[in-house]
Amino acid sequence: MPLLLFDQLSHQLPEPWQSAKLGQIGPARIKVLRMDGQPYPEETHDFDEGLLVTQGCLRLGIDQAVVQVLAGQMYLVQAGQAHSVLPGSHGTLVIIDV
């Protein structure tokens, strides 16, 4: 699958917030998911995570602050940093785990 149509792929997924792994480049895993406006609980990872919005808006809770990530923007979450998805996040999210 060399050409990835992120928005189309996210709409084919059976459930929102259920990511699908699209591929891997070196240690980086590339995933896509569909955001549906519902919140997602706080989590931390032992790896860095790039959150790239290709359509819509991601509202992140980071250290008591709200960070809004719009289409065409990416937020880099450092390993060990707690983050949550706030209500109102919608559209397509590409996740790059390193």
C-alpha atoms as a PDB file:
ATOM      1  CA  MET A   1       0.000   0.000   0.000  1.00  0.00           C
ATOM      2  CA  PRO A   2       2.477   2.698  -1.106  1.00  0.00           C
ATOM      3  CA  LEU A   3      -0.097   5.512  -1.483  1.00  0.00           C
ATOM      4  CA  LEU A   4      -1.841   6.200   1.836  1.00  0.00           C
ATOM      5  CA  LEU A   5      -5.101   8.146   1.773  1.00  0.00           C
ATOM      6  CA  PHE A   6      -5.363   8.804   5.497  1.00  0.00           C
ATOM      7  CA  ASP A   7      -8.879  10.281   5.554  1.00  0.00           C
ATOM      8  CA  GLN A   8     -10.288   7.458   3.436  1.00  0.00           C
ATOM      9  CA  LEU A   9      -8.530   4.804   5.517  1.00  0.00           C
ATOM     10  CA  SER A  10      -9.799   6.267   8.789  1.00  0.00           C
ATOM     11  CA  HIS A  11     -13.407   6.200   7.575  1.00  0.00           C
ATOM     12  CA  GLN A  12     -13.064   2.500   6.704  1.00  0.00           C
ATOM     13  CA  LEU A  13     -12.175   1.588  10.294  1.00  0.00           C
ATOM     14  CA  PRO A  14     -14.985  -0.172  12.192  1.00  0.00           C
ATOM     15  CA  GLU A  15     -14.686   1.919  15.379  1.00  0.00           C
ATOM     16  CA  PRO A  16     -13.465   5.402  16.309  1.00  0.00           C
ATOM     17  CA  TRP A  17     -10.334   5.569  18.477  1.00  0.00           C
ATOM     18  CA  GLN A  18      -9.259   2.115  17.248  1.00  0.00           C
ATOM     19  CA  SER A  19      -6.017   2.713  15.367  1.00  0.00           C
ATOM     20  CA  ALA A  20      -4.836   0.611  12.452  1.00  0.00           C
ATOM     21  CA  LYS A  21      -1.136   0.137  11.774  1.00  0.00           C
ATOM     22  CA  LEU A  22      -0.382   1.160   8.202  1.00  0.00           C
ATOM     23  CA  GLY A  23       3.331   0.476   8.129  1.00  0.00           C
ATOM     24  CA  GLN A  24       6.704   0.901   9.712  1.00  0.00           C
ATOM     25  CA  ILE A  25       9.775   2.885   8.687  1.00  0.00           C
ATOM     26  CA  GLY A  26      12.757   1.838  10.771  1.00  0.00           C
ATOM     27  CA  PRO A  27      11.556   1.959  14.377  1.00  0.00           C
ATOM     28  CA  ALA A  28       8.656   4.342  13.566  1.00  0.00           C
ATOM     29  CA  ARG A  29       5.187   2.793  13.475  1.00  0.00           C
ATOM     30  CA  ILE A  30       2.581   4.676  11.408  1.00  0.00           C
ATOM     31  CA  LYS A  31      -1.058   4.348  12.442  1.00  0.00           C
ATOM     32  CA  VAL A  32      -4.333   6.064  11.545  1.00  0.00           C
ATOM     33  CA  LEU A  33      -7.580   6.474  13.455  1.00  0.00           C
ATOM     34  CA  ARG A  34     -10.879   8.300  13.312  1.00  0.00           C
ATOM     35  CA  MET A  35     -11.765  10.803  16.059  1.00  0.00           C
ATOM     36  CA  ASP A  36     -15.487  11.093  16.799  1.00  0.00           C
ATOM     37  CA  GLY A  37     -15.824  14.006  19.221  1.00  0.00           C
ATOM     38  CA  GLN A  38     -15.640  11.823  22.318  1.00  0.00           C
ATOM     39  CA  PRO A  39     -12.806  12.152  24.854  1.00  0.00           C
ATOM     40  CA  TYR A  40     -10.053   9.567  25.251  1.00  0.00           C
ATOM     41  CA  PRO A  41      -8.549   8.957  28.701  1.00  0.00           C
ATOM     42  CA  GLU A  42      -5.129  10.112  29.829  1.00  0.00           C
ATOM     43  CA  GLU A  43      -2.213   7.888  28.886  1.00  0.00           C
ATOM     44  CA  THR A  44       1.575   7.870  28.807  1.00  0.00           C
ATOM     45  CA  HIS A  45       3.982   5.911  26.619  1.00  0.00           C
ATOM     46  CA  ASP A  46       7.608   4.847  26.866  1.00  0.00           C
ATOM     47  CA  PHE A  47       8.173   6.185  23.341  1.00  0.00           C
ATOM     48  CA  ASP A  48       7.770   9.526  21.558  1.00  0.00           C
ATOM     49  CA  GLU A  49       4.502   9.996  19.673  1.00  0.00           C
ATOM     50  CA  GLY A  50       3.760  12.341  16.779  1.00  0.00           C
ATOM     51  CA  LEU A  51       0.059  13.259  16.478  1.00  0.00           C
ATOM     52  CA  LEU A  52      -0.622  14.555  12.954  1.00  0.00           C
ATOM     53  CA  VAL A  53      -4.121  15.842  12.158  1.00  0.00           C
ATOM     54  CA  THR A  54      -4.966  15.464   8.472  1.00  0.00           C
ATOM     55  CA  GLN A  55      -8.606  16.503   8.791  1.00  0.00           C
ATOM     56  CA  GLY A  56     -10.533  18.097  11.657  1.00  0.00           C
ATOM     57  CA  CYS A  57      -9.186  19.110  15.057  1.00  0.00           C
ATOM     58  CA  LEU A  58      -7.452  17.360  17.962  1.00  0.00           C
ATOM     59  CA  ARG A  59      -7.902  18.880  21.430  1.00  0.00           C
ATOM     60  CA  LEU A  60      -5.185  17.630  23.779  1.00  0.00           C
ATOM     61  CA  GLY A  61      -4.936  17.961  27.532  1.00  0.00           C
ATOM     62  CA  ILE A  62      -1.236  18.398  28.381  1.00  0.00           C
ATOM     63  CA  ASP A  63      -0.047  19.501  31.845  1.00  0.00           C
ATOM     64  CA  GLN A  64      -3.284  21.331  32.779  1.00  0.00           C
ATOM     65  CA  ALA A  65      -3.285  23.117  29.386  1.00  0.00           C
ATOM     66  CA  VAL A  66      -5.449  22.636  26.315  1.00  0.00           C
ATOM     67  CA  VAL A  67      -3.541  22.332  23.047  1.00  0.00           C
ATOM     68  CA  GLN A  68      -5.521  22.547  19.823  1.00  0.00           C
ATOM     69  CA  VAL A  69      -3.969  20.786  16.820  1.00  0.00           C
ATOM     70  CA  LEU A  70      -5.550  21.639  13.460  1.00  0.00           C
ATOM     71  CA  ALA A  71      -5.396  19.935  10.054  1.00  0.00           C
ATOM     72  CA  GLY A  72      -1.863  20.096   8.716  1.00  0.00           C
ATOM     73  CA  GLN A  73      -0.340  20.403  12.200  1.00  0.00           C
ATOM     74  CA  MET A  74       1.440  17.823  14.355  1.00  0.00           C
ATOM     75  CA  TYR A  75       2.020  17.750  18.108  1.00  0.00           C
ATOM     76  CA  LEU A  76       5.040  15.839  19.411  1.00  0.00           C
ATOM     77  CA  VAL A  77       4.387  14.094  22.730  1.00  0.00           C
ATOM     78  CA  GLN A  78       7.613  13.174  24.503  1.00  0.00           C
ATOM     79  CA  ALA A  79       8.001   9.732  26.068  1.00  0.00           C
ATOM     80  CA  GLY A  80       6.602   9.737  29.610  1.00  0.00           C
ATOM     81  CA  GLN A  81       4.412  12.836  29.103  1.00  0.00           C
ATOM     82  CA  ALA A  82       0.807  12.292  30.226  1.00  0.00           C
ATOM     83  CA  HIS A  83      -1.769  13.417  27.661  1.00  0.00           C
ATOM     84  CA  SER A  84      -5.481  13.006  27.055  1.00  0.00           C
ATOM     85  CA  VAL A  85      -7.891  13.775  24.236  1.00  0.00           C
ATOM     86  CA  LEU A  86     -10.575  16.281  25.168  1.00  0.00           C
ATOM     87  CA  PRO A  87     -14.197  16.334  23.965  1.00  0.00           C
ATOM     88  CA  GLY A  88     -14.727  17.862  20.554  1.00  0.00           C
ATOM     89  CA  SER A  89     -11.771  16.183  18.837  1.00  0.00           C
ATOM     90  CA  HIS A  90     -12.918  15.027  15.413  1.00  0.00           C
ATOM     91  CA  GLY A  91     -11.550  14.005  12.021  1.00  0.00           C
ATOM     92  CA  THR A  92      -8.516  11.943  11.043  1.00  0.00           C
ATOM     93  CA  LEU A  93      -5.419  11.458  13.191  1.00  0.00           C
ATOM     94  CA  VAL A  94      -2.159   9.898  12.003  1.00  0.00           C
ATOM     95  CA  ILE A  95       0.010   8.595  14.844  1.00  0.00           C
ATOM     96  CA  ILE A  96       3.752   8.115  14.439  1.00  0.00           C
ATOM     97  CA  ASP A  97       5.300   6.144  17.312  1.00  0.00           C
ATOM     98  CA  VAL A  98       9.081   6.198  17.674  1.00  0.00           C
END
